[in-house]
Protein backbone atom coordinates (compact mmCIF):
# COMPACT_ATOMS: atom_id res chain seq x y z
CA MET A 1 -69.25 165.26 -24.90
CA GLU A 2 -66.46 165.82 -22.40
CA VAL A 3 -62.89 165.26 -23.91
CA SER A 4 -60.78 162.91 -21.85
CA GLU A 5 -57.47 164.37 -20.67
CA ASP A 6 -55.92 160.89 -21.26
CA PHE A 7 -55.72 159.26 -24.67
CA SER A 8 -53.73 156.57 -26.59
CA ILE A 9 -51.00 157.44 -28.98
CA THR A 10 -48.69 155.07 -31.02
CA LEU A 11 -44.91 155.76 -31.11
CA LYS A 12 -42.66 153.98 -33.56
CA ILE A 13 -39.07 153.62 -31.95
CA GLY A 14 -36.65 151.85 -34.32
CA LEU A 15 -38.51 148.72 -35.59
CA HIS A 16 -41.00 148.73 -32.50
CA THR A 17 -44.30 150.27 -32.11
CA LEU A 18 -45.36 151.27 -28.74
CA SER A 19 -49.03 152.14 -27.89
CA ILE A 20 -49.35 154.15 -24.52
CA THR A 21 -51.78 156.35 -22.81
CA VAL A 22 -50.70 160.00 -22.08
CA LYS A 23 -52.17 163.28 -21.06
CA ARG A 24 -53.11 165.42 -24.07
CA LYS A 25 -51.02 168.19 -22.72
CA ASP A 26 -47.91 165.79 -22.75
CA GLU A 27 -48.39 164.46 -26.30
CA GLU A 28 -45.98 166.79 -28.19
CA VAL A 29 -43.29 166.07 -25.42
CA TYR A 30 -43.68 162.26 -26.23
CA ARG A 31 -43.70 162.88 -29.96
CA ALA A 32 -40.45 164.96 -29.67
CA ALA A 33 -38.84 162.22 -27.52
CA GLU A 34 -39.84 159.71 -30.36
CA ARG A 35 -38.12 161.91 -32.90
CA GLU A 36 -35.07 162.45 -30.75
CA ILE A 37 -34.64 158.63 -30.03
CA ASN A 38 -35.09 157.81 -33.72
CA LYS A 39 -32.61 160.47 -34.69
CA ARG A 40 -30.04 159.11 -32.45
CA LEU A 41 -30.76 155.54 -33.32
CA ASN A 42 -30.27 156.18 -36.96
CA THR A 43 -27.17 158.09 -36.49
CA LEU A 44 -25.74 155.13 -34.50
CA ALA A 45 -26.92 152.80 -37.05
CA ALA A 46 -25.23 154.69 -39.77
CA ARG A 47 -21.99 154.99 -37.76
CA TYR A 48 -22.00 151.16 -36.66
CA PRO A 49 -23.49 149.05 -39.44
CA ASN A 50 -24.77 145.58 -39.02
CA GLN A 51 -25.20 145.66 -35.20
CA GLY A 52 -28.82 144.76 -34.97
CA ASN A 53 -31.84 146.68 -33.66
CA GLU A 54 -31.41 145.57 -30.07
CA MET A 55 -27.83 146.82 -29.98
CA TYR A 56 -28.85 150.10 -31.57
CA LEU A 57 -31.60 150.46 -28.95
CA CYS A 58 -28.91 149.79 -26.20
CA MET A 59 -26.54 152.29 -27.69
CA THR A 60 -29.17 154.86 -27.98
CA ALA A 61 -30.24 154.30 -24.43
CA LEU A 62 -26.73 154.85 -23.25
CA ASP A 63 -26.24 157.93 -25.50
CA ILE A 64 -29.32 159.47 -23.96
CA ALA A 65 -28.32 158.48 -20.40
CA LEU A 66 -24.82 160.08 -21.06
CA SER A 67 -26.40 163.27 -22.35
CA LEU A 68 -28.92 163.54 -19.24
CA LYS A 69 -25.86 162.95 -16.89
CA ARG A 70 -23.64 165.48 -18.66
CA ASN A 71 -26.52 167.89 -18.49
CA GLU A 72 -27.12 167.28 -14.76
CA GLN A 73 -23.32 168.02 -14.20
CA ASN A 74 -23.56 171.34 -16.33
CA ASN A 75 -26.63 172.34 -14.21
CA ASP A 76 -25.38 171.49 -10.86
CA THR A 77 -25.41 174.78 -9.05
CA GLN A 78 -24.46 173.51 -5.72
CA PRO A 79 -20.61 174.29 -6.20
CA PHE A 80 -21.54 177.66 -7.25
CA VAL A 81 -23.95 178.25 -4.35
CA GLU A 82 -21.19 177.16 -1.82
CA SER A 83 -18.60 179.48 -3.40
CA MET A 84 -21.11 182.41 -3.32
CA GLN A 85 -21.79 181.44 0.42
CA ARG A 86 -18.04 181.54 1.17
CA MET A 87 -17.53 184.91 -0.66
CA LEU A 88 -20.46 186.35 1.12
CA GLN A 89 -19.15 185.25 4.48
CA GLY A 90 -15.78 186.76 3.55
CA VAL A 91 -17.48 190.09 2.66
CA GLU A 92 -19.39 190.17 5.88
CA GLU A 93 -16.25 189.34 7.96
CA ALA A 94 -14.37 192.16 6.20
CA LEU A 95 -17.19 194.72 6.76
CA ALA A 96 -17.47 193.64 10.48
CA THR A 97 -13.68 194.24 11.01
CA THR A 98 -13.70 197.56 9.20
CA SER A 99 -16.61 198.91 11.06
CA ARG A 100 -15.18 198.45 14.45
């Protein structure tokens, strides 16, 4: 019997249950995401009591989106690449003038 690469999993996020089909190789990533979402949701619920599940989900989505954007900024290598290109150009120019 052949094992399908896709299969259904159930995730519990806050008070909601979500059934989705995922690749077997991706299951642990989904489970880790579920844990991370619930961890952040619970932290926000403890910090801001009596806000309601929908508000906690919105706050959690914002928290995760901010983390992603900060991570993108921290991993933005373009300024570094541009700086290295300018330095390399300066070194090449300096070498060209000294070799004349």
